[in-house]
Protein backbone atom coordinates (compact mmCIF):
# COMPACT_ATOMS: atom_id res chain seq x y z
CA MET A 1 -16.41 -16.03 43.47
CA THR A 2 -17.65 -12.94 41.54
CA ALA A 3 -21.50 -12.50 41.21
CA ARG A 4 -22.80 -12.72 37.79
CA PRO A 5 -24.52 -9.11 36.32
CA VAL A 6 -28.25 -9.05 36.56
CA SER A 7 -29.88 -8.98 33.30
CA LEU A 8 -33.71 -8.18 32.99
CA THR A 9 -36.12 -9.09 30.39
CA GLY A 10 -39.68 -7.91 30.18
CA ILE A 11 -42.33 -10.09 28.07
CA LYS A 12 -45.49 -8.35 27.00
CA PRO A 13 -48.69 -10.87 27.06
CA THR A 14 -49.99 -9.90 23.59
CA GLY A 15 -51.66 -13.18 22.54
CA THR A 16 -50.32 -16.66 21.69
CA PRO A 17 -46.49 -16.65 20.97
CA HIS A 18 -45.48 -17.85 17.57
CA LEU A 19 -42.08 -18.87 15.97
CA GLY A 20 -40.70 -15.21 15.57
CA ASN A 21 -41.06 -14.82 19.43
CA LEU A 22 -39.60 -17.98 19.98
CA PHE A 23 -36.55 -17.83 17.83
CA GLY A 24 -36.21 -14.21 18.05
CA ALA A 25 -36.81 -13.33 21.56
CA ILE A 26 -37.31 -16.42 23.98
CA LEU A 27 -34.52 -18.81 23.16
CA PRO A 28 -31.99 -16.09 23.06
CA ALA A 29 -33.19 -14.62 26.44
CA ILE A 30 -33.08 -18.07 27.95
CA ARG A 31 -29.41 -18.51 26.60
CA LEU A 32 -28.53 -15.56 28.72
CA THR A 33 -28.84 -17.40 31.82
CA GLU A 34 -25.58 -18.74 30.81
CA ARG A 35 -23.70 -15.58 31.75
CA TYR A 36 -26.15 -13.63 33.77
CA ARG A 37 -28.50 -13.76 36.74
CA GLY A 38 -31.90 -13.53 35.06
CA ILE A 39 -34.85 -11.41 35.95
CA TYR A 40 -37.72 -12.35 33.50
CA PHE A 41 -41.27 -10.47 34.24
CA ILE A 42 -44.53 -10.63 32.22
CA ALA A 43 -45.56 -7.15 31.63
CA ASP A 44 -49.16 -7.10 32.48
CA TYR A 45 -49.42 -3.59 33.44
CA HIS A 46 -47.97 -2.34 30.14
CA SER A 47 -50.81 -4.37 28.21
CA LEU A 48 -53.50 -2.25 29.99
CA THR A 49 -52.47 0.46 27.10
CA THR A 50 -54.71 -1.42 24.88
CA GLU A 51 -56.14 -4.55 26.62
CA ARG A 52 -59.39 -4.01 27.95
CA ASP A 53 -60.63 -7.60 28.37
CA GLY A 54 -59.52 -8.97 31.91
CA ALA A 55 -60.10 -12.61 31.13
CA ALA A 56 -58.21 -12.55 28.27
CA LEU A 57 -55.11 -10.58 29.72
CA ARG A 58 -55.00 -13.46 32.45
CA HIS A 59 -55.42 -16.03 29.73
CA SER A 60 -52.29 -14.24 27.88
CA VAL A 61 -50.14 -14.18 31.00
CA HIS A 62 -50.62 -18.04 31.51
CA GLU A 63 -50.01 -18.76 27.88
CA VAL A 64 -46.55 -16.82 28.12
CA ALA A 65 -45.53 -18.16 31.30
CA ALA A 66 -46.37 -21.67 30.12
CA THR A 67 -44.48 -20.99 27.04
CA TRP A 68 -41.21 -19.96 28.60
CA MET A 69 -41.44 -22.61 31.37
CA ALA A 70 -41.87 -25.44 28.65
CA MET A 71 -39.03 -24.04 26.57
CA GLY A 72 -36.72 -24.50 29.29
CA LEU A 73 -36.59 -21.11 31.78
CA ASP A 74 -34.84 -22.22 34.82
CA HIS A 75 -37.34 -20.53 37.09
CA GLU A 76 -35.99 -22.32 39.88
CA ASN A 77 -32.90 -20.57 39.94
CA HIS A 78 -33.84 -17.21 38.00
CA VAL A 79 -36.51 -14.94 38.95
CA PHE A 80 -39.63 -15.07 36.77
CA PHE A 81 -42.83 -13.41 38.06
CA ARG A 82 -45.79 -11.25 36.86
CA GLN A 83 -45.14 -7.47 36.69
CA SER A 84 -48.14 -6.51 38.87
CA ASP A 85 -47.48 -8.75 41.78
CA VAL A 86 -44.84 -6.37 42.53
CA PRO A 87 -46.90 -2.83 43.31
CA GLU A 88 -43.56 -1.07 44.08
CA VAL A 89 -43.03 -0.69 40.22
CA CYS A 90 -45.90 1.85 40.39
CA GLU A 91 -44.52 3.73 43.22
CA LEU A 92 -41.08 4.05 41.71
CA SER A 93 -42.83 4.91 38.36
CA TRP A 94 -44.02 7.77 40.08
CA VAL A 95 -41.01 8.97 41.37
CA LEU A 96 -39.49 8.77 38.16
CA SER A 97 -42.30 10.58 36.39
CA CYS A 98 -41.14 13.54 38.52
CA PHE A 99 -37.91 13.78 36.93
CA THR A 100 -38.93 13.02 33.44
CA SER A 101 -39.32 16.11 30.99
CA MET A 102 -42.44 16.12 28.70
CA GLY A 103 -39.82 16.40 25.67
CA LEU A 104 -38.40 13.21 26.27
CA LEU A 105 -41.58 11.47 26.24
CA THR A 106 -42.67 13.32 23.02
CA ARG A 107 -39.44 11.64 21.49
CA ALA A 108 -40.42 8.04 22.39
CA HIS A 109 -41.03 6.14 19.20
CA ALA A 110 -44.42 4.32 20.48
CA TYR A 111 -45.84 7.87 20.94
CA LYS A 112 -44.40 9.36 17.80
CA ASP A 113 -45.78 6.45 15.78
CA ALA A 114 -49.25 6.65 17.40
CA VAL A 115 -49.51 10.19 16.67
CA ALA A 116 -48.41 9.62 12.90
CA ASN A 117 -50.90 7.13 12.37
CA GLY A 118 -53.91 9.57 13.54
CA LYS A 119 -54.28 7.68 16.91
CA ASP A 120 -55.17 9.47 20.13
CA PRO A 121 -52.70 7.86 22.58
CA ASN A 122 -53.80 7.71 26.17
CA HIS A 123 -51.63 8.64 29.15
CA GLY A 124 -50.52 5.02 29.53
CA LEU A 125 -48.84 4.94 26.09
CA PHE A 126 -47.35 8.38 26.36
CA ALA A 127 -45.47 7.53 30.00
CA TYR A 128 -44.78 4.13 28.81
CA PRO A 129 -40.92 4.76 28.87
CA VAL A 130 -41.45 5.80 32.58
CA LEU A 131 -42.99 2.54 33.66
CA MET A 132 -40.37 0.72 31.63
CA ALA A 133 -37.61 2.78 33.10
CA ALA A 134 -38.92 1.38 36.73
CA ASP A 135 -39.29 -1.88 35.48
CA ILE A 136 -35.48 -1.99 34.90
CA LEU A 137 -34.38 0.48 37.88
CA LEU A 138 -36.43 -1.32 40.56
CA TYR A 139 -34.10 -4.50 40.35
CA ASP A 140 -30.64 -2.81 40.03
CA SER A 141 -30.76 -4.31 36.36
CA GLU A 142 -27.11 -4.04 35.21
CA VAL A 143 -27.89 -5.07 31.47
CA VAL A 144 -31.22 -5.06 29.32
CA PRO A 145 -31.26 -7.31 26.39
CA VAL A 146 -33.03 -5.36 23.51
CA GLY A 147 -33.02 -5.32 19.77
CA LYS A 148 -31.59 -2.42 17.99
CA ASP A 149 -34.99 -0.75 17.40
CA GLN A 150 -35.62 -0.96 21.28
CA LYS A 151 -32.45 0.72 22.03
CA GLN A 152 -34.19 4.09 22.78
CA HIS A 153 -36.10 2.54 25.85
CA VAL A 154 -32.60 1.99 27.85
CA GLU A 155 -31.42 5.30 26.76
CA MET A 156 -34.23 6.86 27.99
CA CYS A 157 -34.32 4.92 31.19
CA ARG A 158 -30.48 5.80 31.71
CA GLU A 159 -31.14 9.56 31.13
CA ILE A 160 -34.12 9.34 33.72
CA ALA A 161 -31.76 7.46 36.20
CA GLN A 162 -28.89 10.07 35.91
CA ARG A 163 -31.33 12.97 36.82
CA VAL A 164 -32.53 11.20 39.99
CA ASN A 165 -29.11 10.28 40.93
CA HIS A 166 -28.10 14.10 40.26
CA HIS A 167 -30.14 15.18 42.84
CA TYR A 168 -30.04 12.35 45.43
CA GLY A 169 -26.36 11.03 44.77
CA GLU A 170 -24.49 8.63 42.75
CA GLY A 171 -25.84 4.91 43.24
CA THR A 172 -29.06 5.88 44.40
CA LEU A 173 -30.02 4.07 41.03
CA VAL A 174 -27.98 1.80 39.21
CA LEU A 175 -27.53 2.73 35.32
CA PRO A 176 -28.27 -0.25 32.90
CA GLU A 177 -26.55 -0.86 29.70
CA PRO A 178 -28.47 -2.31 26.84
CA LEU A 179 -27.30 -5.57 25.43
CA ILE A 180 -27.83 -5.69 21.59
CA ASP A 181 -27.30 -9.33 20.15
CA GLU A 182 -26.50 -8.82 16.63
CA ASN A 183 -26.75 -12.31 15.80
CA VAL A 184 -30.42 -12.85 16.54
CA ALA A 185 -32.28 -13.63 13.38
CA THR A 186 -35.48 -11.89 12.17
CA ILE A 187 -37.77 -14.55 11.75
CA PRO A 188 -39.90 -14.89 8.14
CA GLY A 189 -43.54 -15.43 8.24
CA LEU A 190 -45.56 -17.45 5.67
CA ASP A 191 -45.44 -14.50 3.26
CA GLY A 192 -41.90 -13.57 3.80
CA ARG A 193 -42.50 -10.49 5.60
CA LYS A 194 -41.38 -10.34 9.53
CA MET A 195 -43.46 -13.02 11.23
CA SER A 196 -46.49 -11.09 13.10
CA LYS A 197 -49.94 -11.88 14.18
CA SER A 198 -50.94 -8.68 12.66
CA TYR A 199 -49.65 -9.66 9.21
CA ASP A 200 -51.58 -13.22 9.69
CA ASN A 201 -48.61 -14.82 8.50
CA ALA A 202 -47.25 -16.18 11.79
CA ILE A 203 -47.15 -19.95 13.24
CA GLU A 204 -48.01 -20.62 16.69
CA ILE A 205 -45.37 -22.33 18.83
CA PHE A 206 -47.32 -25.25 20.05
CA THR A 207 -49.88 -25.94 17.10
CA ALA A 208 -50.96 -29.35 17.07
CA PRO A 209 -49.29 -31.47 14.27
CA LYS A 210 -52.28 -31.54 11.86
CA PRO A 211 -52.59 -27.95 11.56
CA LEU A 212 -49.04 -27.31 12.27
CA ARG A 213 -48.07 -29.01 8.82
CA LYS A 214 -51.03 -27.17 7.19
CA ARG A 215 -49.44 -23.80 8.21
CA PHE A 216 -46.00 -25.01 6.90
CA MET A 217 -47.59 -25.86 3.53
CA LYS A 218 -48.79 -22.27 3.25
CA ILE A 219 -45.10 -20.94 2.85
CA VAL A 220 -44.80 -18.95 -0.01
CA THR A 221 -41.92 -20.20 -2.34
CA GLY A 222 -39.86 -19.15 -5.37
CA SER A 223 -41.63 -19.95 -8.87
CA GLU A 224 -38.74 -22.46 -9.90
CA THR A 225 -39.94 -25.93 -11.22
CA MET A 226 -39.09 -28.88 -9.40
CA GLU A 227 -36.43 -29.67 -11.69
CA GLU A 228 -34.59 -26.25 -11.72
CA PRO A 229 -31.68 -26.15 -8.66
CA LYS A 230 -32.79 -23.42 -6.11
CA ASP A 231 -30.71 -21.22 -4.03
CA PRO A 232 -31.09 -22.35 -0.05
CA ALA A 233 -29.76 -18.66 0.83
CA ASN A 234 -32.84 -17.11 -0.59
CA CYS A 235 -35.60 -19.46 0.79
CA ARG A 236 -37.77 -18.75 3.80
CA ILE A 237 -38.29 -22.59 4.44
CA PHE A 238 -34.53 -23.03 4.43
CA ASP A 239 -34.22 -20.06 6.86
CA LEU A 240 -36.44 -21.96 9.42
CA TYR A 241 -35.23 -25.60 8.69
CA LYS A 242 -31.68 -24.28 9.90
CA LEU A 243 -33.15 -23.25 13.26
CA VAL A 244 -34.28 -26.74 14.28
CA ALA A 245 -32.52 -29.31 12.01
CA THR A 246 -29.09 -30.74 12.56
CA ALA A 247 -25.89 -29.58 10.89
CA ALA A 248 -26.00 -32.58 8.75
CA GLU A 249 -29.71 -32.18 7.75
CA VAL A 250 -29.20 -28.44 6.83
CA ALA A 251 -26.18 -29.48 4.70
CA ASP A 252 -28.26 -32.48 2.97
CA LEU A 253 -31.30 -30.05 2.29
CA ALA A 254 -28.99 -27.45 0.79
CA GLY A 255 -27.59 -30.03 -1.35
CA CYS A 256 -30.92 -31.23 -2.56
CA TYR A 257 -31.74 -27.65 -3.43
CA ARG A 258 -28.68 -27.24 -5.53
CA ALA A 259 -29.05 -30.22 -7.25
CA GLY A 260 -32.50 -29.66 -8.65
CA ASN A 261 -35.28 -32.47 -9.11
CA PHE A 262 -36.19 -31.23 -5.63
CA GLY A 263 -39.74 -29.84 -5.08
CA TYR A 264 -40.63 -27.12 -2.32
CA GLY A 265 -43.22 -29.25 -1.20
CA GLU A 266 -40.76 -31.84 -0.02
CA ALA A 267 -38.51 -29.24 1.42
CA LYS A 268 -41.79 -28.02 3.63
CA GLN A 269 -42.50 -31.70 4.79
CA ARG A 270 -38.81 -31.62 5.97
CA LEU A 271 -39.27 -28.59 7.75
CA PHE A 272 -42.36 -29.58 9.49
CA GLU A 273 -40.89 -33.22 10.58
CA ALA A 274 -37.95 -31.36 12.10
CA TYR A 275 -39.85 -28.48 13.81
CA GLU A 276 -42.33 -31.35 15.24
CA ARG A 277 -39.33 -33.44 16.48
CA PHE A 278 -38.20 -30.27 18.44
CA ILE A 279 -41.44 -29.09 19.58
CA ALA A 280 -43.39 -32.27 20.53
CA PRO A 281 -41.88 -32.73 23.94
CA ARG A 282 -42.10 -29.12 25.04
CA ARG A 283 -45.74 -29.25 23.75
CA GLU A 284 -46.57 -31.87 26.22
CA VAL A 285 -45.01 -29.62 28.93
CA TYR A 286 -46.78 -26.74 27.78
CA ASP A 287 -50.16 -28.46 27.71
CA ASP A 288 -49.99 -29.90 30.96
CA LEU A 289 -49.08 -26.22 32.35
CA MET A 290 -52.20 -24.85 30.70
CA ALA A 291 -54.34 -27.65 31.96
CA ASN A 292 -53.19 -26.91 35.27
CA PRO A 293 -52.80 -23.12 35.87
CA ALA A 294 -52.05 -23.41 39.63
CA LYS A 295 -48.59 -24.77 38.63
CA ILE A 296 -48.22 -21.47 36.77
CA GLU A 297 -49.50 -19.49 39.55
CA ALA A 298 -46.87 -21.37 41.90
CA ALA A 299 -43.94 -20.29 39.72
CA LEU A 300 -44.96 -16.87 39.32
CA GLU A 301 -45.76 -16.38 43.42
CA ARG A 302 -42.55 -17.65 43.82
CA GLY A 303 -40.73 -15.29 41.85
CA ALA A 304 -42.81 -12.69 42.72
CA ALA A 305 -41.64 -13.13 46.43
CA THR A 306 -37.86 -12.75 45.31
CA ALA A 307 -38.50 -9.83 43.26
CA ARG A 308 -40.31 -7.82 45.88
CA ALA A 309 -37.25 -8.37 48.27
CA THR A 310 -35.14 -6.77 45.91
CA ALA A 311 -37.67 -4.19 45.13
CA ARG A 312 -38.11 -2.92 48.73
CA ARG A 313 -34.69 -2.67 49.27
CA THR A 314 -34.55 -0.11 46.27
CA MET A 315 -37.40 1.73 47.39
CA GLU A 316 -36.31 2.07 50.88
CA ARG A 317 -32.99 3.55 49.63
CA LEU A 318 -34.87 5.71 47.45
CA ARG A 319 -37.33 6.72 49.91
CA GLU A 320 -34.89 7.74 52.35
CA ARG A 321 -32.90 10.05 50.06
CA CYS A 322 -35.98 11.49 48.56
CA GLY A 323 -37.39 12.42 52.15
CA LEU A 324 -40.59 10.19 51.76
CA GLY A 325 -41.95 8.50 55.05
CA SER A 326 -40.70 9.31 58.37
CA GLY A 327 -37.09 8.22 57.49
CA GLY A 328 -36.89 6.24 60.72
């Protein structure tokens, strides 16, 4: 039986996950386990470029871990761990740094954006692509799911790995390929822009029912009167509804829009009910995990043990070829 290829997904813990994260990243990444052997890690080292509150970072790691576990990530049969529990990634990052040109790093989107916005980037942000490359290469990852705007990360990783392989031989590091899902949608926020915490237009995944309904009722709509027909293809309520309702329910709502005498308030109520039906059982799992962080830690520690075994093999191969250590 042919082994399935390895896919790697990094998850940056940047606060409480919202619907944009859920439908734009989490669920598509979990579905990949049907075709790939999945490696999923929570990138807490990467968060240090901006996060200075240790307690907040640990809490965010737990929120992210609990979210992925509650949404169905099979952490028993796939690898799920915290980045900082595998220190080999820092050793590999240093080796890769010695093969990475300054010119390559200055072309990175995050660094260029920071400079363009008048910020003073720290070395962590500048060297971010090197640590990201180490995340990918440490586990012999074959594919890396990314959005179109993140393809550069994989391209830079490949360029660095090729330089290493040029010096130490093909196969020293596995060259990954980007996996871009053209079908992943951009999730609209309350105001129609891309859902983002920075825009204050997000809906958190596990919001309790009462405040959840209030958030849905704040979705900005068109100016049509209740009597006028409405276009379901041009409505953010309908866009969200399609993600959680049945095909029959979607067809019925589309018919109501086109027929007229149907208000946006009723559409928002249907959206709330469909989403609550979808999320309620998962919210129970999430709440239980957050109330029992030992369960989260046990899952992450188990995943880290598996990840470290792979990481050590990669570093043994690389150290021997680089001439690091005794070589015995």
